[in-house]
Amino acid sequence: MFKKEKRKNWRSVQSPFIFDLARHLEAGSRYVDERVVTDEVAFDRVFRDIEKLRADLKRSKESIAVEDYGAGSRVFKGNARKVSKIAKHVLQGKSVARSLWKVLRYWGINTATEGGRKLNVLEMGTSLGITTAYLSASGCHVETWEGCQNTTDLARRNWKELGLEENIVSKVGKFEGLLKSSSGGWDMVFLDGHHDGEATLIYVEQMKSKLGKGGCVLVDDVTWSKGMKMAWRTLLDDPYWNVTVRWRGKGWLFHIDGAVEQHIALSCVFKF
């Protein structure tokens, strides 16, 4: 556990905001907002379609040439990559994707109840588009960025098969260039495409002026490498991010006006 962090089970979190986040990430259905549980039942066919597509991708015989602008891979050598291996080793798992859906659905329902707009979500790192599909199914406006055109083409084909292509804005390019040209305004940014410590710190710093009010950043693989561990320690020491939650190798960053500084490492026990 990193300095500053306190390990907690979702049940022992005292902050109402973090408790709501933690229970939708980790708790079983009996502890999740009943509106979200109702929607889970209604969206069962969508979830089954997404997971069927994931299974099909794992059996795919197709290969693509991948242009990798990130920190490289521990699985692949070279740019020619089997789609089946990408599906098996790169994509976020079903449980993680479903938990993100629950959190965004909960936040979105509350925003709508208060007469607000749909949430805006940015995914930095599209890959095959499976996690993107879950984000879109939550009812948010989703924009997703990918550095590789071939990977993006395959993801777009997957969304078309799922009937989600009209609901997702997809852009191809290097993250630094896309960030400079974007006006931002996101409620959540999922940084899942450039697992390099220095690059992560640069992107997160830029997010301070790109997030909408109350927006957050979710950084993937904060314990993936020495560089990413150092980056996470640096972010924990940044007073701007006064509330952080580390969850399943990922780090949530929040800037909440008036909040007591809290850094939590969430104990994880998936139950569905």
C-alpha atoms as a PDB file:
ATOM      1  CA  MET A   1       0.000   0.000   0.000  1.00  0.00           C
ATOM      2  CA  PHE A   2       1.257   3.483  -0.851  1.00  0.00           C
ATOM      3  CA  LYS A   3       2.042   6.095   1.783  1.00  0.00           C
ATOM      4  CA  LYS A   4      -0.997   8.243   2.586  1.00  0.00           C
ATOM      5  CA  GLU A   5      -3.492   5.548   1.576  1.00  0.00           C
ATOM      6  CA  LYS A   6      -5.734   3.781   4.070  1.00  0.00           C
ATOM      7  CA  ARG A   7      -7.044   0.354   3.155  1.00  0.00           C
ATOM      8  CA  LYS A   8     -10.794   0.098   3.579  1.00  0.00           C
ATOM      9  CA  ASN A   9     -13.621  -2.255   2.712  1.00  0.00           C
ATOM     10  CA  TRP A  10     -16.515  -0.499   0.978  1.00  0.00           C
ATOM     11  CA  ARG A  11     -18.653  -0.996   4.100  1.00  0.00           C
ATOM     12  CA  SER A  12     -16.218   0.966   6.280  1.00  0.00           C
ATOM     13  CA  VAL A  13     -16.013   4.077   4.098  1.00  0.00           C
ATOM     14  CA  GLN A  14     -17.471   7.041   5.993  1.00  0.00           C
ATOM     15  CA  SER A  15     -17.588   9.712   3.292  1.00  0.00           C
ATOM     16  CA  PRO A  16     -21.067   9.475   1.661  1.00  0.00           C
ATOM     17  CA  PHE A  17     -19.651  10.299  -1.786  1.00  0.00           C
ATOM     18  CA  ILE A  18     -16.879   7.696  -1.649  1.00  0.00           C
ATOM     19  CA  PHE A  19     -19.226   5.170  -0.043  1.00  0.00           C
ATOM     20  CA  ASP A  20     -21.600   5.501  -3.005  1.00  0.00           C
ATOM     21  CA  LEU A  21     -18.680   5.059  -5.408  1.00  0.00           C
ATOM     22  CA  ALA A  22     -17.306   2.062  -3.497  1.00  0.00           C
ATOM     23  CA  ARG A  23     -20.598   0.198  -3.132  1.00  0.00           C
ATOM     24  CA  HIS A  24     -21.354   0.491  -6.849  1.00  0.00           C
ATOM     25  CA  LEU A  25     -17.857  -0.729  -7.653  1.00  0.00           C
ATOM     26  CA  GLU A  26     -17.757  -3.631  -5.223  1.00  0.00           C
ATOM     27  CA  ALA A  27     -21.011  -4.461  -3.445  1.00  0.00           C
ATOM     28  CA  GLY A  28     -23.579  -7.053  -4.443  1.00  0.00           C
ATOM     29  CA  SER A  29     -26.901  -6.021  -5.952  1.00  0.00           C
ATOM     30  CA  ARG A  30     -28.701  -5.830  -2.590  1.00  0.00           C
ATOM     31  CA  TYR A  31     -26.500  -2.856  -1.635  1.00  0.00           C
ATOM     32  CA  VAL A  32     -26.636  -1.003  -4.956  1.00  0.00           C
ATOM     33  CA  ASP A  33     -29.134   1.778  -5.681  1.00  0.00           C
ATOM     34  CA  GLU A  34     -32.416   0.043  -6.584  1.00  0.00           C
ATOM     35  CA  ARG A  35     -32.770   2.155  -9.740  1.00  0.00           C
ATOM     36  CA  VAL A  36     -29.436   0.813 -10.976  1.00  0.00           C
ATOM     37  CA  VAL A  37     -30.468  -2.761 -10.139  1.00  0.00           C
ATOM     38  CA  THR A  38     -33.686  -2.267 -12.120  1.00  0.00           C
ATOM     39  CA  ASP A  39     -31.686  -0.964 -15.070  1.00  0.00           C
ATOM     40  CA  GLU A  40     -29.278  -3.912 -14.856  1.00  0.00           C
ATOM     41  CA  VAL A  41     -32.193  -6.242 -15.465  1.00  0.00           C
ATOM     42  CA  ALA A  42     -33.448  -4.090 -18.340  1.00  0.00           C
ATOM     43  CA  PHE A  43     -29.972  -3.995 -19.919  1.00  0.00           C
ATOM     44  CA  ASP A  44     -29.342  -7.732 -19.594  1.00  0.00           C
ATOM     45  CA  ARG A  45     -29.670  -8.312 -23.341  1.00  0.00           C
ATOM     46  CA  VAL A  46     -27.164  -5.538 -24.068  1.00  0.00           C
ATOM     47  CA  PHE A  47     -24.673  -7.016 -21.607  1.00  0.00           C
ATOM     48  CA  ARG A  48     -25.118 -10.490 -23.114  1.00  0.00           C
ATOM     49  CA  ASP A  49     -24.537  -9.091 -26.611  1.00  0.00           C
ATOM     50  CA  ILE A  50     -21.350  -7.334 -25.506  1.00  0.00           C
ATOM     51  CA  GLU A  51     -20.013 -10.445 -23.779  1.00  0.00           C
ATOM     52  CA  LYS A  52     -20.906 -12.630 -26.750  1.00  0.00           C
ATOM     53  CA  LEU A  53     -18.890 -10.260 -28.917  1.00  0.00           C
ATOM     54  CA  ARG A  54     -15.989 -10.478 -26.452  1.00  0.00           C
ATOM     55  CA  ALA A  55     -16.120 -14.273 -26.670  1.00  0.00           C
ATOM     56  CA  ASP A  56     -16.178 -14.104 -30.485  1.00  0.00           C
ATOM     57  CA  LEU A  57     -13.123 -11.825 -30.453  1.00  0.00           C
ATOM     58  CA  LYS A  58     -11.256 -14.283 -28.242  1.00  0.00           C
ATOM     59  CA  ARG A  59     -11.868 -16.957 -30.916  1.00  0.00           C
ATOM     60  CA  SER A  60     -11.043 -14.690 -33.857  1.00  0.00           C
ATOM     61  CA  LYS A  61      -8.456 -15.811 -36.422  1.00  0.00           C
ATOM     62  CA  GLU A  62      -7.913 -12.222 -37.558  1.00  0.00           C
ATOM     63  CA  SER A  63      -4.668 -10.289 -37.099  1.00  0.00           C
ATOM     64  CA  ILE A  64      -4.090  -6.547 -37.392  1.00  0.00           C
ATOM     65  CA  ALA A  65      -1.041  -4.287 -37.618  1.00  0.00           C
ATOM     66  CA  VAL A  66      -1.049  -2.102 -34.521  1.00  0.00           C
ATOM     67  CA  GLU A  67       0.637   1.289 -34.289  1.00  0.00           C
ATOM     68  CA  ASP A  68       1.520   1.581 -30.600  1.00  0.00           C
ATOM     69  CA  TYR A  69       2.262   5.058 -29.228  1.00  0.00           C
ATOM     70  CA  GLY A  70       2.049   3.929 -25.613  1.00  0.00           C
ATOM     71  CA  ALA A  71       4.488   2.297 -23.221  1.00  0.00           C
ATOM     72  CA  GLY A  72       4.716  -0.933 -25.187  1.00  0.00           C
ATOM     73  CA  SER A  73       3.447  -4.369 -24.261  1.00  0.00           C
ATOM     74  CA  ARG A  74       4.542  -7.258 -22.075  1.00  0.00           C
ATOM     75  CA  VAL A  75       2.463  -9.642 -24.174  1.00  0.00           C
ATOM     76  CA  PHE A  76       3.175  -8.683 -27.788  1.00  0.00           C
ATOM     77  CA  LYS A  77       6.354  -8.467 -29.821  1.00  0.00           C
ATOM     78  CA  GLY A  78       6.149  -6.426 -32.976  1.00  0.00           C
ATOM     79  CA  ASN A  79       3.181  -4.682 -34.515  1.00  0.00           C
ATOM     80  CA  ALA A  80       1.336  -7.685 -35.996  1.00  0.00           C
ATOM     81  CA  ARG A  81      -1.104  -8.822 -33.310  1.00  0.00           C
ATOM     82  CA  LYS A  82      -3.790 -11.471 -33.169  1.00  0.00           C
ATOM     83  CA  VAL A  83      -7.193 -10.084 -32.289  1.00  0.00           C
ATOM     84  CA  SER A  84      -7.765 -13.094 -30.033  1.00  0.00           C
ATOM     85  CA  LYS A  85      -4.692 -12.222 -27.935  1.00  0.00           C
ATOM     86  CA  ILE A  86      -5.729  -8.573 -27.676  1.00  0.00           C
ATOM     87  CA  ALA A  87      -9.155  -9.700 -26.464  1.00  0.00           C
ATOM     88  CA  LYS A  88      -7.625 -12.068 -23.912  1.00  0.00           C
ATOM     89  CA  HIS A  89      -4.825  -9.891 -22.538  1.00  0.00           C
ATOM     90  CA  VAL A  90      -5.588  -6.208 -23.150  1.00  0.00           C
ATOM     91  CA  LEU A  91      -9.301  -5.577 -22.628  1.00  0.00           C
ATOM     92  CA  GLN A  92     -10.828  -4.642 -19.287  1.00  0.00           C
ATOM     93  CA  GLY A  93     -12.564  -7.661 -17.818  1.00  0.00           C
ATOM     94  CA  LYS A  94     -16.315  -8.137 -17.605  1.00  0.00           C
ATOM     95  CA  SER A  95     -16.475  -7.400 -13.857  1.00  0.00           C
ATOM     96  CA  VAL A  96     -14.517  -4.146 -14.154  1.00  0.00           C
ATOM     97  CA  ALA A  97     -16.550  -2.960 -17.146  1.00  0.00           C
ATOM     98  CA  ARG A  98     -19.829  -3.833 -15.403  1.00  0.00           C
ATOM     99  CA  SER A  99     -18.760  -1.938 -12.271  1.00  0.00           C
ATOM    100  CA  LEU A 100     -17.915   1.143 -14.318  1.00  0.00           C
ATOM    101  CA  TRP A 101     -21.357   0.865 -15.922  1.00  0.00           C
ATOM    102  CA  LYS A 102     -22.986   0.796 -12.478  1.00  0.00           C
ATOM    103  CA  VAL A 103     -21.088   3.842 -11.232  1.00  0.00           C
ATOM    104  CA  LEU A 104     -21.840   5.888 -14.336  1.00  0.00           C
ATOM    105  CA  ARG A 105     -25.458   4.748 -14.357  1.00  0.00           C
ATOM    106  CA  TYR A 106     -25.820   5.818 -10.724  1.00  0.00           C
ATOM    107  CA  TRP A 107     -24.210   9.212 -11.320  1.00  0.00           C
ATOM    108  CA  GLY A 108     -26.239   9.673 -14.495  1.00  0.00           C
ATOM    109  CA  ILE A 109     -29.552   8.829 -12.822  1.00  0.00           C
ATOM    110  CA  ASN A 110     -28.859  11.332 -10.051  1.00  0.00           C
ATOM    111  CA  THR A 111     -27.911  14.026 -12.552  1.00  0.00           C
ATOM    112  CA  ALA A 112     -31.082  13.412 -14.562  1.00  0.00           C
ATOM    113  CA  THR A 113     -33.221  13.426 -11.404  1.00  0.00           C
ATOM    114  CA  GLU A 114     -31.810  16.841 -10.524  1.00  0.00           C
ATOM    115  CA  GLY A 115     -32.782  18.129 -13.979  1.00  0.00           C
ATOM    116  CA  GLY A 116     -29.260  17.943 -15.338  1.00  0.00           C
ATOM    117  CA  ARG A 117     -27.748  16.837 -18.618  1.00  0.00           C
ATOM    118  CA  LYS A 118     -26.214  13.536 -19.659  1.00  0.00           C
ATOM    119  CA  LEU A 119     -22.716  12.865 -18.356  1.00  0.00           C
ATOM    120  CA  ASN A 120     -19.773  13.348 -20.713  1.00  0.00           C
ATOM    121  CA  VAL A 121     -17.138  10.611 -20.616  1.00  0.00           C
ATOM    122  CA  LEU A 122     -13.772  10.457 -22.372  1.00  0.00           C
ATOM    123  CA  GLU A 123     -11.965   7.145 -22.821  1.00  0.00           C
ATOM    124  CA  MET A 124      -8.290   7.531 -23.719  1.00  0.00           C
ATOM    125  CA  GLY A 125      -7.500   4.153 -25.265  1.00  0.00           C
ATOM    126  CA  THR A 126     -10.244   2.492 -27.307  1.00  0.00           C
ATOM    127  CA  SER A 127      -8.639  -0.881 -28.065  1.00  0.00           C
ATOM    128  CA  LEU A 128     -11.349  -3.223 -29.436  1.00  0.00           C
ATOM    129  CA  GLY A 129     -14.150  -1.063 -28.046  1.00  0.00           C
ATOM    130  CA  ILE A 130     -15.626  -3.481 -25.505  1.00  0.00           C
ATOM    131  CA  THR A 131     -15.255  -1.167 -22.510  1.00  0.00           C
ATOM    132  CA  THR A 132     -16.452   1.694 -24.712  1.00  0.00           C
ATOM    133  CA  ALA A 133     -19.643  -0.275 -25.314  1.00  0.00           C
ATOM    134  CA  TYR A 134     -20.270  -0.580 -21.572  1.00  0.00           C
ATOM    135  CA  LEU A 135     -19.609   3.141 -21.073  1.00  0.00           C
ATOM    136  CA  SER A 136     -22.039   3.977 -23.867  1.00  0.00           C
ATOM    137  CA  ALA A 137     -24.668   1.591 -22.499  1.00  0.00           C
ATOM    138  CA  SER A 138     -24.631   3.589 -19.248  1.00  0.00           C
ATOM    139  CA  GLY A 139     -26.414   6.400 -21.069  1.00  0.00           C
ATOM    140  CA  CYS A 140     -23.484   8.816 -21.115  1.00  0.00           C
ATOM    141  CA  HIS A 141     -22.156  10.782 -24.057  1.00  0.00           C
ATOM    142  CA  VAL A 142     -18.948   8.855 -24.835  1.00  0.00           C
ATOM    143  CA  GLU A 143     -15.918  10.058 -26.757  1.00  0.00           C
ATOM    144  CA  THR A 144     -13.053   7.628 -27.219  1.00  0.00           C
ATOM    145  CA  TRP A 145      -9.509   8.142 -28.540  1.00  0.00           C
ATOM    146  CA  GLU A 146      -7.132   5.627 -30.086  1.00  0.00           C
ATOM    147  CA  GLY A 147      -3.723   6.067 -31.667  1.00  0.00           C
ATOM    148  CA  CYS A 148      -4.024   3.200 -34.145  1.00  0.00           C
ATOM    149  CA  GLN A 149      -6.332   3.451 -37.178  1.00  0.00           C
ATOM    150  CA  ASN A 150      -6.570  -0.327 -37.687  1.00  0.00           C
ATOM    151  CA  THR A 151      -7.592  -0.872 -34.069  1.00  0.00           C
ATOM    152  CA  THR A 152     -10.162   1.914 -34.341  1.00  0.00           C
ATOM    153  CA  ASP A 153     -11.626   0.423 -37.521  1.00  0.00           C
ATOM    154  CA  LEU A 154     -12.131  -2.897 -35.748  1.00  0.00           C
ATOM    155  CA  ALA A 155     -13.698  -1.190 -32.713  1.00  0.00           C
ATOM    156  CA  ARG A 156     -16.108   0.723 -34.963  1.00  0.00           C
ATOM    157  CA  ARG A 157     -17.068  -2.529 -36.648  1.00  0.00           C
ATOM    158  CA  ASN A 158     -17.790  -4.000 -33.210  1.00  0.00           C
ATOM    159  CA  TRP A 159     -20.018  -1.059 -32.210  1.00  0.00           C
ATOM    160  CA  LYS A 160     -21.933  -1.408 -35.450  1.00  0.00           C
ATOM    161  CA  GLU A 161     -22.569  -5.065 -34.656  1.00  0.00           C
ATOM    162  CA  LEU A 162     -23.863  -4.004 -31.228  1.00  0.00           C
ATOM    163  CA  GLY A 163     -25.968  -1.188 -32.662  1.00  0.00           C
ATOM    164  CA  LEU A 164     -24.023   1.441 -30.690  1.00  0.00           C
ATOM    165  CA  GLU A 165     -22.104   3.168 -33.482  1.00  0.00           C
ATOM    166  CA  GLU A 166     -24.378   6.229 -33.460  1.00  0.00           C
ATOM    167  CA  ASN A 167     -23.824   6.795 -29.731  1.00  0.00           C
ATOM    168  CA  ILE A 168     -20.009   6.920 -29.703  1.00  0.00           C
ATOM    169  CA  VAL A 169     -17.683   9.659 -30.946  1.00  0.00           C
ATOM    170  CA  SER A 170     -14.430   8.021 -32.030  1.00  0.00           C
ATOM    171  CA  LYS A 171     -11.207   9.892 -32.831  1.00  0.00           C
ATOM    172  CA  VAL A 172      -7.808   8.674 -34.029  1.00  0.00           C
ATOM    173  CA  GLY A 173      -4.555  10.385 -33.133  1.00  0.00           C
ATOM    174  CA  LYS A 174      -1.921  10.945 -30.474  1.00  0.00           C
ATOM    175  CA  PHE A 175      -3.339  11.875 -27.114  1.00  0.00           C
ATOM    176  CA  GLU A 176      -1.275  15.043 -26.728  1.00  0.00           C
ATOM    177  CA  GLY A 177      -2.589  16.453 -29.996  1.00  0.00           C
ATOM    178  CA  LEU A 178      -6.187  15.473 -29.302  1.00  0.00           C
ATOM    179  CA  LEU A 179      -6.014  17.037 -25.838  1.00  0.00           C
ATOM    180  CA  LYS A 180      -4.719  20.329 -27.197  1.00  0.00           C
ATOM    181  CA  SER A 181      -7.524  20.565 -29.741  1.00  0.00           C
ATOM    182  CA  SER A 182     -10.305  19.550 -27.345  1.00  0.00           C
ATOM    183  CA  SER A 183     -12.438  21.940 -25.324  1.00  0.00           C
ATOM    184  CA  GLY A 184     -12.935  19.304 -22.623  1.00  0.00           C
ATOM    185  CA  GLY A 185     -15.864  19.529 -20.216  1.00  0.00           C
ATOM    186  CA  TRP A 186     -15.782  15.844 -19.245  1.00  0.00           C
ATOM    187  CA  ASP A 187     -17.373  14.408 -16.132  1.00  0.00           C
ATOM    188  CA  MET A 188     -15.042  11.417 -16.186  1.00  0.00           C
ATOM    189  CA  VAL A 189     -11.880  10.627 -18.096  1.00  0.00           C
ATOM    190  CA  PHE A 190     -10.691   7.018 -18.226  1.00  0.00           C
ATOM    191  CA  LEU A 191      -6.968   7.077 -19.036  1.00  0.00           C
ATOM    192  CA  ASP A 192      -6.395   3.570 -20.388  1.00  0.00           C
ATOM    193  CA  GLY A 193      -4.058   3.865 -23.324  1.00  0.00           C
ATOM    194  CA  HIS A 194      -0.566   5.105 -22.459  1.00  0.00           C
ATOM    195  CA  HIS A 195       0.793   3.314 -19.421  1.00  0.00           C
ATOM    196  CA  ASP A 196       3.856   5.474 -18.974  1.00  0.00           C
ATOM    197  CA  GLY A 197       4.493   7.356 -15.739  1.00  0.00           C
ATOM    198  CA  GLU A 198       5.757  10.618 -17.227  1.00  0.00           C
ATOM    199  CA  ALA A 199       3.034  10.721 -19.874  1.00  0.00           C
ATOM    200  CA  THR A 200       0.372   9.962 -17.255  1.00  0.00           C
ATOM    201  CA  LEU A 201       1.455  12.935 -15.143  1.00  0.00           C
ATOM    202  CA  ILE A 202       1.359  15.220 -18.178  1.00  0.00           C
ATOM    203  CA  TYR A 203      -2.134  14.085 -19.198  1.00  0.00           C
ATOM    204  CA  VAL A 204      -3.525  14.325 -15.676  1.00  0.00           C
ATOM    205  CA  GLU A 205      -2.086  17.807 -15.224  1.00  0.00           C
ATOM    206  CA  GLN A 206      -3.856  18.912 -18.384  1.00  0.00           C
ATOM    207  CA  MET A 207      -7.101  17.440 -17.104  1.00  0.00           C
ATOM    208  CA  LYS A 208      -7.237  20.030 -14.330  1.00  0.00           C
ATOM    209  CA  SER A 209      -8.403  22.573 -16.885  1.00  0.00           C
ATOM    210  CA  LYS A 210     -10.290  20.122 -19.122  1.00  0.00           C
ATOM    211  CA  LEU A 211     -12.667  18.465 -16.650  1.00  0.00           C
ATOM    212  CA  GLY A 212     -16.130  19.790 -16.036  1.00  0.00           C
ATOM    213  CA  LYS A 213     -17.011  20.948 -12.527  1.00  0.00           C
ATOM    214  CA  GLY A 214     -16.856  17.952 -10.206  1.00  0.00           C
ATOM    215  CA  GLY A 215     -15.237  15.799 -12.899  1.00  0.00           C
ATOM    216  CA  CYS A 216     -12.808  12.982 -12.152  1.00  0.00           C
ATOM    217  CA  VAL A 217      -9.994  11.007 -13.739  1.00  0.00           C
ATOM    218  CA  LEU A 218      -9.629   7.228 -13.596  1.00  0.00           C
ATOM    219  CA  VAL A 219      -6.054   6.119 -14.306  1.00  0.00           C
ATOM    220  CA  ASP A 220      -5.504   2.503 -15.311  1.00  0.00           C
ATOM    221  CA  ASP A 221      -2.573   0.316 -14.223  1.00  0.00           C
ATOM    222  CA  VAL A 222      -1.188   2.549 -11.474  1.00  0.00           C
ATOM    223  CA  THR A 223       0.879  -0.401 -10.189  1.00  0.00           C
ATOM    224  CA  TRP A 224       1.795  -1.815 -13.617  1.00  0.00           C
ATOM    225  CA  SER A 225       5.415  -0.630 -13.633  1.00  0.00           C
ATOM    226  CA  LYS A 226       7.928   1.295 -11.555  1.00  0.00           C
ATOM    227  CA  GLY A 227       7.170   4.406 -13.584  1.00  0.00           C
ATOM    228  CA  MET A 228       3.414   4.108 -13.024  1.00  0.00           C
ATOM    229  CA  LYS A 229       3.902   3.513  -9.292  1.00  0.00           C
ATOM    230  CA  MET A 230       6.029   6.662  -9.089  1.00  0.00           C
ATOM    231  CA  ALA A 231       3.390   8.596 -11.030  1.00  0.00           C
ATOM    232  CA  TRP A 232       0.664   7.469  -8.619  1.00  0.00           C
ATOM    233  CA  ARG A 233       2.754   8.493  -5.607  1.00  0.00           C
ATOM    234  CA  THR A 234       3.219  11.899  -7.218  1.00  0.00           C
ATOM    235  CA  LEU A 235      -0.526  12.240  -7.772  1.00  0.00           C
ATOM    236  CA  LEU A 236      -1.212  11.281  -4.156  1.00  0.00           C
ATOM    237  CA  ASP A 237       1.052  14.152  -3.086  1.00  0.00           C
ATOM    238  CA  ASP A 238      -0.644  16.664  -5.384  1.00  0.00           C
ATOM    239  CA  PRO A 239      -2.950  18.723  -3.122  1.00  0.00           C
ATOM    240  CA  TYR A 240      -5.279  19.404  -6.054  1.00  0.00           C
ATOM    241  CA  TRP A 241      -6.501  15.784  -5.981  1.00  0.00           C
ATOM    242  CA  ASN A 242      -7.784  15.864  -2.417  1.00  0.00           C
ATOM    243  CA  VAL A 243      -9.771  12.618  -2.711  1.00  0.00           C
ATOM    244  CA  THR A 244      -8.330   9.473  -4.320  1.00  0.00           C
ATOM    245  CA  VAL A 245      -9.500   5.872  -4.434  1.00  0.00           C
ATOM    246  CA  ARG A 246      -7.295   3.024  -5.641  1.00  0.00           C
ATOM    247  CA  TRP A 247      -9.336   0.122  -6.948  1.00  0.00           C
ATOM    248  CA  ARG A 248      -8.211  -3.038  -8.756  1.00  0.00           C
ATOM    249  CA  GLY A 249      -4.977  -1.517 -10.025  1.00  0.00           C
ATOM    250  CA  LYS A 250      -6.718   1.700 -11.050  1.00  0.00           C
ATOM    251  CA  GLY A 251      -6.730   5.107  -9.399  1.00  0.00           C
ATOM    252  CA  TRP A 252      -9.662   7.512  -9.134  1.00  0.00           C
ATOM    253  CA  LEU A 253      -8.733  11.195  -8.801  1.00  0.00           C
ATOM    254  CA  PHE A 254     -11.199  13.772  -7.490  1.00  0.00           C
ATOM    255  CA  HIS A 255     -10.971  17.482  -6.735  1.00  0.00           C
ATOM    256  CA  ILE A 256     -13.855  18.167  -4.353  1.00  0.00           C
ATOM    257  CA  ASP A 257     -14.236  21.662  -2.961  1.00  0.00           C
ATOM    258  CA  GLY A 258     -14.300  21.660   0.823  1.00  0.00           C
ATOM    259  CA  ALA A 259     -13.670  17.919   1.160  1.00  0.00           C
ATOM    260  CA  VAL A 260     -11.374  16.547   3.836  1.00  0.00           C
ATOM    261  CA  GLU A 261      -8.286  15.027   2.203  1.00  0.00           C
ATOM    262  CA  GLN A 262      -8.743  11.270   1.861  1.00  0.00           C
ATOM    263  CA  HIS A 263      -6.713   8.596   0.103  1.00  0.00           C
ATOM    264  CA  ILE A 264      -8.277   5.144   0.132  1.00  0.00           C
ATOM    265  CA  ALA A 265      -7.075   1.782  -1.150  1.00  0.00           C
ATOM    266  CA  LEU A 266     -10.320  -0.109  -1.619  1.00  0.00           C
ATOM    267  CA  SER A 267     -10.378  -3.769  -0.592  1.00  0.00           C
ATOM    268  CA  CYS A 268     -11.958  -5.645  -3.473  1.00  0.00           C
ATOM    269  CA  VAL A 269     -14.362  -8.560  -3.342  1.00  0.00           C
ATOM    270  CA  PHE A 270     -16.488  -8.652  -6.468  1.00  0.00           C
ATOM    271  CA  LYS A 271     -19.957 -10.034  -5.846  1.00  0.00           C
ATOM    272  CA  PHE A 272     -22.665 -10.055  -8.502  1.00  0.00           C
END
